[in-house]
Amino acid sequence: MDETEITFRLKRAQGQTFVLFTHAKWKEPVEFMHHCSTKWAVFLLSLRDWLERGEGRPDPYDVKIHVGD
């Protein structure tokens, strides 16, 4: 099984810290890529809420985007 690669980088600009996220090295485009992209957005927005307000939405309380999530 081919492995994908996940990277996080922090970048400071204009008095803010940005998380630069990449999920790369997919062998070929597949439908699951859309699911992963959306779920990563859900998790990263939850992380932001946890850091800024102390109330994220981790699994199993995250936003469900697909039957079976």
PDB file of N, CA and C in Angstrom:
ATOM      1  N   MET A   1       0.842  -1.183   0.000  1.00  0.00           N
ATOM      2  CA  MET A   1       0.000   0.000   0.000  1.00  0.00           C
ATOM      3  C   MET A   1       0.883   1.240   0.000  1.00  0.00           C
ATOM      4  N   ASP A   2       0.594   2.163  -0.888  1.00  0.00           N
ATOM      5  CA  ASP A   2       1.335   3.421  -0.922  1.00  0.00           C
ATOM      6  C   ASP A   2       0.914   4.314   0.230  1.00  0.00           C
ATOM      7  N   GLU A   3       1.866   5.017   0.763  1.00  0.00           N
ATOM      8  CA  GLU A   3       1.604   5.924   1.871  1.00  0.00           C
ATOM      9  C   GLU A   3       1.518   7.357   1.367  1.00  0.00           C
ATOM     10  N   THR A   4       0.571   8.107   1.906  1.00  0.00           N
ATOM     11  CA  THR A   4       0.525   9.536   1.619  1.00  0.00           C
ATOM     12  C   THR A   4       1.408  10.239   2.641  1.00  0.00           C
ATOM     13  N   GLU A   5       1.628  11.517   2.410  1.00  0.00           N
ATOM     14  CA  GLU A   5       2.501  12.288   3.299  1.00  0.00           C
ATOM     15  C   GLU A   5       1.743  13.487   3.845  1.00  0.00           C
ATOM     16  N   ILE A   6       1.781  13.644   5.157  1.00  0.00           N
ATOM     17  CA  ILE A   6       1.113  14.753   5.823  1.00  0.00           C
ATOM     18  C   ILE A   6       2.177  15.638   6.452  1.00  0.00           C
ATOM     19  N   THR A   7       2.093  16.936   6.177  1.00  0.00           N
ATOM     20  CA  THR A   7       3.048  17.872   6.775  1.00  0.00           C
ATOM     21  C   THR A   7       2.305  19.075   7.349  1.00  0.00           C
ATOM     22  N   PHE A   8       2.840  19.596   8.437  1.00  0.00           N
ATOM     23  CA  PHE A   8       2.353  20.817   9.062  1.00  0.00           C
ATOM     24  C   PHE A   8       3.539  21.762   9.177  1.00  0.00           C
ATOM     25  N   ARG A   9       3.349  23.004   8.782  1.00  0.00           N
ATOM     26  CA  ARG A   9       4.372  24.037   8.983  1.00  0.00           C
ATOM     27  C   ARG A   9       3.697  25.217   9.645  1.00  0.00           C
ATOM     28  N   LEU A  10       4.409  25.874  10.531  1.00  0.00           N
ATOM     29  CA  LEU A  10       3.911  27.094  11.147  1.00  0.00           C
ATOM     30  C   LEU A  10       4.604  28.274  10.501  1.00  0.00           C
ATOM     31  N   LYS A  11       3.826  29.308  10.181  1.00  0.00           N
ATOM     32  CA  LYS A  11       4.384  30.506   9.569  1.00  0.00           C
ATOM     33  C   LYS A  11       3.846  31.720  10.315  1.00  0.00           C
ATOM     34  N   ARG A  12       4.740  32.593  10.688  1.00  0.00           N
ATOM     35  CA  ARG A  12       4.355  33.812  11.394  1.00  0.00           C
ATOM     36  C   ARG A  12       4.326  34.953  10.393  1.00  0.00           C
ATOM     37  N   ALA A  13       3.216  35.684  10.350  1.00  0.00           N
ATOM     38  CA  ALA A  13       3.085  36.837   9.453  1.00  0.00           C
ATOM     39  C   ALA A  13       2.023  37.781   9.994  1.00  0.00           C
ATOM     40  N   GLN A  14       2.293  39.045   9.947  1.00  0.00           N
ATOM     41  CA  GLN A  14       1.343  40.089  10.337  1.00  0.00           C
ATOM     42  C   GLN A  14       0.787  39.865  11.744  1.00  0.00           C
ATOM     43  N   GLY A  15       1.655  39.435  12.660  1.00  0.00           N
ATOM     44  CA  GLY A  15       1.244  39.240  14.046  1.00  0.00           C
ATOM     45  C   GLY A  15       0.388  38.011  14.283  1.00  0.00           C
ATOM     46  N   GLN A  16       0.313  37.113  13.307  1.00  0.00           N
ATOM     47  CA  GLN A  16      -0.479  35.894  13.437  1.00  0.00           C
ATOM     48  C   GLN A  16       0.384  34.683  13.106  1.00  0.00           C
ATOM     49  N   THR A  17      -0.019  33.536  13.614  1.00  0.00           N
ATOM     50  CA  THR A  17       0.642  32.283  13.269  1.00  0.00           C
ATOM     51  C   THR A  17      -0.309  31.475  12.398  1.00  0.00           C
ATOM     52  N   PHE A  18       0.180  31.028  11.252  1.00  0.00           N
ATOM     53  CA  PHE A  18      -0.605  30.256  10.303  1.00  0.00           C
ATOM     54  C   PHE A  18      -0.113  28.821  10.286  1.00  0.00           C
ATOM     55  N   VAL A  19      -1.047  27.881  10.206  1.00  0.00           N
ATOM     56  CA  VAL A  19      -0.715  26.471  10.045  1.00  0.00           C
ATOM     57  C   VAL A  19      -0.828  26.162   8.559  1.00  0.00           C
ATOM     58  N   LEU A  20       0.284  25.775   7.958  1.00  0.00           N
ATOM     59  CA  LEU A  20       0.293  25.399   6.546  1.00  0.00           C
ATOM     60  C   LEU A  20       0.300  23.875   6.499  1.00  0.00           C
ATOM     61  N   PHE A  21      -0.750  23.325   5.954  1.00  0.00           N
ATOM     62  CA  PHE A  21      -0.991  21.893   5.993  1.00  0.00           C
ATOM     63  C   PHE A  21      -0.992  21.317   4.582  1.00  0.00           C
ATOM     64  N   THR A  22      -0.382  20.152   4.433  1.00  0.00           N
ATOM     65  CA  THR A  22      -0.373  19.464   3.141  1.00  0.00           C
ATOM     66  C   THR A  22      -0.618  17.973   3.362  1.00  0.00           C
ATOM     67  N   HIS A  23      -1.472  17.400   2.538  1.00  0.00           N
ATOM     68  CA  HIS A  23      -1.670  15.947   2.500  1.00  0.00           C
ATOM     69  C   HIS A  23      -1.358  15.551   1.058  1.00  0.00           C
ATOM     70  N   ALA A  24      -0.164  15.030   0.826  1.00  0.00           N
ATOM     71  CA  ALA A  24       0.354  14.849  -0.531  1.00  0.00           C
ATOM     72  C   ALA A  24       0.779  13.408  -0.793  1.00  0.00           C
ATOM     73  N   LYS A  25       1.337  13.231  -1.970  1.00  0.00           N
ATOM     74  CA  LYS A  25       1.886  11.961  -2.457  1.00  0.00           C
ATOM     75  C   LYS A  25       0.822  10.876  -2.628  1.00  0.00           C
ATOM     76  N   TRP A  26      -0.349  11.304  -3.097  1.00  0.00           N
ATOM     77  CA  TRP A  26      -1.370  10.326  -3.463  1.00  0.00           C
ATOM     78  C   TRP A  26      -0.901   9.639  -4.745  1.00  0.00           C
ATOM     79  N   LYS A  27      -1.047   8.344  -4.824  1.00  0.00           N
ATOM     80  CA  LYS A  27      -0.624   7.598  -6.006  1.00  0.00           C
ATOM     81  C   LYS A  27      -1.422   8.036  -7.228  1.00  0.00           C
ATOM     82  N   GLU A  28      -2.730   8.240  -7.031  1.00  0.00           N
ATOM     83  CA  GLU A  28      -3.602   8.679  -8.113  1.00  0.00           C
ATOM     84  C   GLU A  28      -4.818   9.365  -7.498  1.00  0.00           C
ATOM     85  N   PRO A  29      -5.481  10.225  -8.248  1.00  0.00           N
ATOM     86  CA  PRO A  29      -6.691  10.864  -7.720  1.00  0.00           C
ATOM     87  C   PRO A  29      -7.787   9.814  -7.471  1.00  0.00           C
ATOM     88  N   VAL A  30      -8.337   9.830  -6.284  1.00  0.00           N
ATOM     89  CA  VAL A  30      -9.418   8.914  -5.935  1.00  0.00           C
ATOM     90  C   VAL A  30     -10.491   9.701  -5.182  1.00  0.00           C
ATOM     91  N   GLU A  31     -11.701   9.173  -5.150  1.00  0.00           N
ATOM     92  CA  GLU A  31     -12.823   9.849  -4.483  1.00  0.00           C
ATOM     93  C   GLU A  31     -12.514  10.141  -3.016  1.00  0.00           C
ATOM     94  N   PHE A  32     -11.779   9.247  -2.363  1.00  0.00           N
ATOM     95  CA  PHE A  32     -11.459   9.409  -0.944  1.00  0.00           C
ATOM     96  C   PHE A  32     -10.673  10.689  -0.668  1.00  0.00           C
ATOM     97  N   MET A  33      -9.979  11.218  -1.652  1.00  0.00           N
ATOM     98  CA  MET A  33      -9.232  12.474  -1.473  1.00  0.00           C
ATOM     99  C   MET A  33     -10.174  13.604  -1.066  1.00  0.00           C
ATOM    100  N   HIS A  34     -11.366  13.648  -1.644  1.00  0.00           N
ATOM    101  CA  HIS A  34     -12.335  14.698  -1.307  1.00  0.00           C
ATOM    102  C   HIS A  34     -12.772  14.574   0.147  1.00  0.00           C
ATOM    103  N   HIS A  35     -13.020  13.348   0.564  1.00  0.00           N
ATOM    104  CA  HIS A  35     -13.403  13.084   1.954  1.00  0.00           C
ATOM    105  C   HIS A  35     -12.287  13.546   2.901  1.00  0.00           C
ATOM    106  N   CYS A  36     -11.063  13.149   2.598  1.00  0.00           N
ATOM    107  CA  CYS A  36      -9.928  13.520   3.450  1.00  0.00           C
ATOM    108  C   CYS A  36      -9.761  15.031   3.526  1.00  0.00           C
ATOM    109  N   SER A  37      -9.868  15.691   2.392  1.00  0.00           N
ATOM    110  CA  SER A  37      -9.706  17.142   2.354  1.00  0.00           C
ATOM    111  C   SER A  37     -10.728  17.832   3.252  1.00  0.00           C
ATOM    112  N   THR A  38     -11.974  17.395   3.155  1.00  0.00           N
ATOM    113  CA  THR A  38     -13.029  17.996   3.961  1.00  0.00           C
ATOM    114  C   THR A  38     -12.846  17.682   5.440  1.00  0.00           C
ATOM    115  N   LYS A  39     -12.503  16.432   5.764  1.00  0.00           N
ATOM    116  CA  LYS A  39     -12.305  16.066   7.170  1.00  0.00           C
ATOM    117  C   LYS A  39     -11.117  16.801   7.779  1.00  0.00           C
ATOM    118  N   TRP A  40     -10.029  16.982   7.019  1.00  0.00           N
ATOM    119  CA  TRP A  40      -8.898  17.753   7.535  1.00  0.00           C
ATOM    120  C   TRP A  40      -9.336  19.179   7.842  1.00  0.00           C
ATOM    121  N   ALA A  41     -10.160  19.769   6.991  1.00  0.00           N
ATOM    122  CA  ALA A  41     -10.663  21.125   7.247  1.00  0.00           C
ATOM    123  C   ALA A  41     -11.461  21.152   8.546  1.00  0.00           C
ATOM    124  N   VAL A  42     -12.318  20.152   8.756  1.00  0.00           N
ATOM    125  CA  VAL A  42     -13.116  20.070   9.981  1.00  0.00           C
ATOM    126  C   VAL A  42     -12.195  19.992  11.202  1.00  0.00           C
ATOM    127  N   PHE A  43     -11.187  19.129  11.135  1.00  0.00           N
ATOM    128  CA  PHE A  43     -10.286  18.968  12.271  1.00  0.00           C
ATOM    129  C   PHE A  43      -9.434  20.214  12.518  1.00  0.00           C
ATOM    130  N   LEU A  44      -8.955  20.846  11.464  1.00  0.00           N
ATOM    131  CA  LEU A  44      -8.136  22.044  11.639  1.00  0.00           C
ATOM    132  C   LEU A  44      -8.960  23.218  12.178  1.00  0.00           C
ATOM    133  N   LEU A  45     -10.203  23.343  11.736  1.00  0.00           N
ATOM    134  CA  LEU A  45     -11.073  24.387  12.293  1.00  0.00           C
ATOM    135  C   LEU A  45     -11.386  24.102  13.756  1.00  0.00           C
ATOM    136  N   SER A  46     -11.546  22.833  14.111  1.00  0.00           N
ATOM    137  CA  SER A  46     -11.751  22.464  15.509  1.00  0.00           C
ATOM    138  C   SER A  46     -10.515  22.807  16.338  1.00  0.00           C
ATOM    139  N   LEU A  47      -9.340  22.543  15.801  1.00  0.00           N
ATOM    140  CA  LEU A  47      -8.093  22.883  16.502  1.00  0.00           C
ATOM    141  C   LEU A  47      -8.014  24.386  16.740  1.00  0.00           C
ATOM    142  N   ARG A  48      -8.352  25.177  15.719  1.00  0.00           N
ATOM    143  CA  ARG A  48      -8.345  26.634  15.879  1.00  0.00           C
ATOM    144  C   ARG A  48      -9.295  27.055  16.993  1.00  0.00           C
ATOM    145  N   ASP A  49     -10.510  26.506  16.989  1.00  0.00           N
ATOM    146  CA  ASP A  49     -11.484  26.859  18.022  1.00  0.00           C
ATOM    147  C   ASP A  49     -10.990  26.476  19.412  1.00  0.00           C
ATOM    148  N   TRP A  50     -10.328  25.323  19.513  1.00  0.00           N
ATOM    149  CA  TRP A  50      -9.797  24.893  20.801  1.00  0.00           C
ATOM    150  C   TRP A  50      -8.698  25.841  21.281  1.00  0.00           C
ATOM    151  N   LEU A  51      -7.815  26.247  20.365  1.00  0.00           N
ATOM    152  CA  LEU A  51      -6.719  27.142  20.734  1.00  0.00           C
ATOM    153  C   LEU A  51      -7.208  28.544  21.071  1.00  0.00           C
ATOM    154  N   GLU A  52      -8.176  29.043  20.301  1.00  0.00           N
ATOM    155  CA  GLU A  52      -8.638  30.418  20.490  1.00  0.00           C
ATOM    156  C   GLU A  52      -9.709  30.560  21.573  1.00  0.00           C
ATOM    157  N   ARG A  53     -10.557  29.527  21.746  1.00  0.00           N
ATOM    158  CA  ARG A  53     -11.690  29.653  22.669  1.00  0.00           C
ATOM    159  C   ARG A  53     -11.768  28.546  23.707  1.00  0.00           C
ATOM    160  N   GLY A  54     -10.888  27.540  23.583  1.00  0.00           N
ATOM    161  CA  GLY A  54     -10.904  26.442  24.530  1.00  0.00           C
ATOM    162  C   GLY A  54     -12.054  25.477  24.327  1.00  0.00           C
ATOM    163  N   GLU A  55     -12.625  25.456  23.116  1.00  0.00           N
ATOM    164  CA  GLU A  55     -13.748  24.550  22.861  1.00  0.00           C
ATOM    165  C   GLU A  55     -13.762  24.062  21.418  1.00  0.00           C
ATOM    166  N   GLY A  56     -12.989  23.030  21.148  1.00  0.00           N
ATOM    167  CA  GLY A  56     -12.984  22.413  19.827  1.00  0.00           C
ATOM    168  C   GLY A  56     -14.056  21.343  19.729  1.00  0.00           C
ATOM    169  N   ARG A  57     -14.088  20.664  18.598  1.00  0.00           N
ATOM    170  CA  ARG A  57     -15.052  19.575  18.395  1.00  0.00           C
ATOM    171  C   ARG A  57     -14.309  18.337  17.901  1.00  0.00           C
ATOM    172  N   PRO A  58     -13.573  17.660  18.794  1.00  0.00           N
ATOM    173  CA  PRO A  58     -12.840  16.467  18.375  1.00  0.00           C
ATOM    174  C   PRO A  58     -13.775  15.293  18.139  1.00  0.00           C
ATOM    175  N   ASP A  59     -13.265  14.290  17.468  1.00  0.00           N
ATOM    176  CA  ASP A  59     -14.003  13.056  17.265  1.00  0.00           C
ATOM    177  C   ASP A  59     -14.393  12.491  18.629  1.00  0.00           C
ATOM    178  N   PRO A  60     -15.561  12.048  18.877  1.00  0.00           N
ATOM    179  CA  PRO A  60     -16.656  11.768  17.944  1.00  0.00           C
ATOM    180  C   PRO A  60     -17.643  12.916  17.794  1.00  0.00           C
ATOM    181  N   TYR A  61     -17.292  14.120  18.264  1.00  0.00           N
ATOM    182  CA  TYR A  61     -18.221  15.253  18.235  1.00  0.00           C
ATOM    183  C   TYR A  61     -18.004  16.166  17.029  1.00  0.00           C
ATOM    184  N   ASP A  62     -17.147  15.762  16.112  1.00  0.00           N
ATOM    185  CA  ASP A  62     -16.846  16.562  14.937  1.00  0.00           C
ATOM    186  C   ASP A  62     -18.023  16.541  13.960  1.00  0.00           C
ATOM    187  N   VAL A  63     -17.933  17.370  12.937  1.00  0.00           N
ATOM    188  CA  VAL A  63     -18.949  17.428  11.897  1.00  0.00           C
ATOM    189  C   VAL A  63     -18.852  16.169  11.049  1.00  0.00           C
ATOM    190  N   LYS A  64     -19.942  15.488  10.870  1.00  0.00           N
ATOM    191  CA  LYS A  64     -19.975  14.266  10.056  1.00  0.00           C
ATOM    192  C   LYS A  64     -20.256  14.654   8.612  1.00  0.00           C
ATOM    193  N   ILE A  65     -19.446  14.169   7.685  1.00  0.00           N
ATOM    194  CA  ILE A  65     -19.612  14.537   6.277  1.00  0.00           C
ATOM    195  C   ILE A  65     -19.988  13.354   5.398  1.00  0.00           C
ATOM    196  N   HIS A  66     -19.983  12.156   5.965  1.00  0.00           N
ATOM    197  CA  HIS A  66     -20.231  10.957   5.188  1.00  0.00           C
ATOM    198  C   HIS A  66     -20.888   9.915   6.083  1.00  0.00           C
ATOM    199  N   VAL A  67     -21.772   9.138   5.536  1.00  0.00           N
ATOM    200  CA  VAL A  67     -22.381   8.048   6.305  1.00  0.00           C
ATOM    201  C   VAL A  67     -21.273   7.143   6.816  1.00  0.00           C
ATOM    202  N   GLY A  68     -21.282   6.867   8.080  1.00  0.00           N
ATOM    203  CA  GLY A  68     -20.255   6.007   8.668  1.00  0.00           C
ATOM    204  C   GLY A  68     -19.141   6.765   9.355  1.00  0.00           C
ATOM    205  N   ASP A  69     -19.117   8.078   9.229  1.00  0.00           N
ATOM    206  CA  ASP A  69     -18.094   8.861   9.929  1.00  0.00           C
ATOM    207  C   ASP A  69     -18.300   8.764  11.424  1.00  0.00           C
TER     208      ASP A  69
END
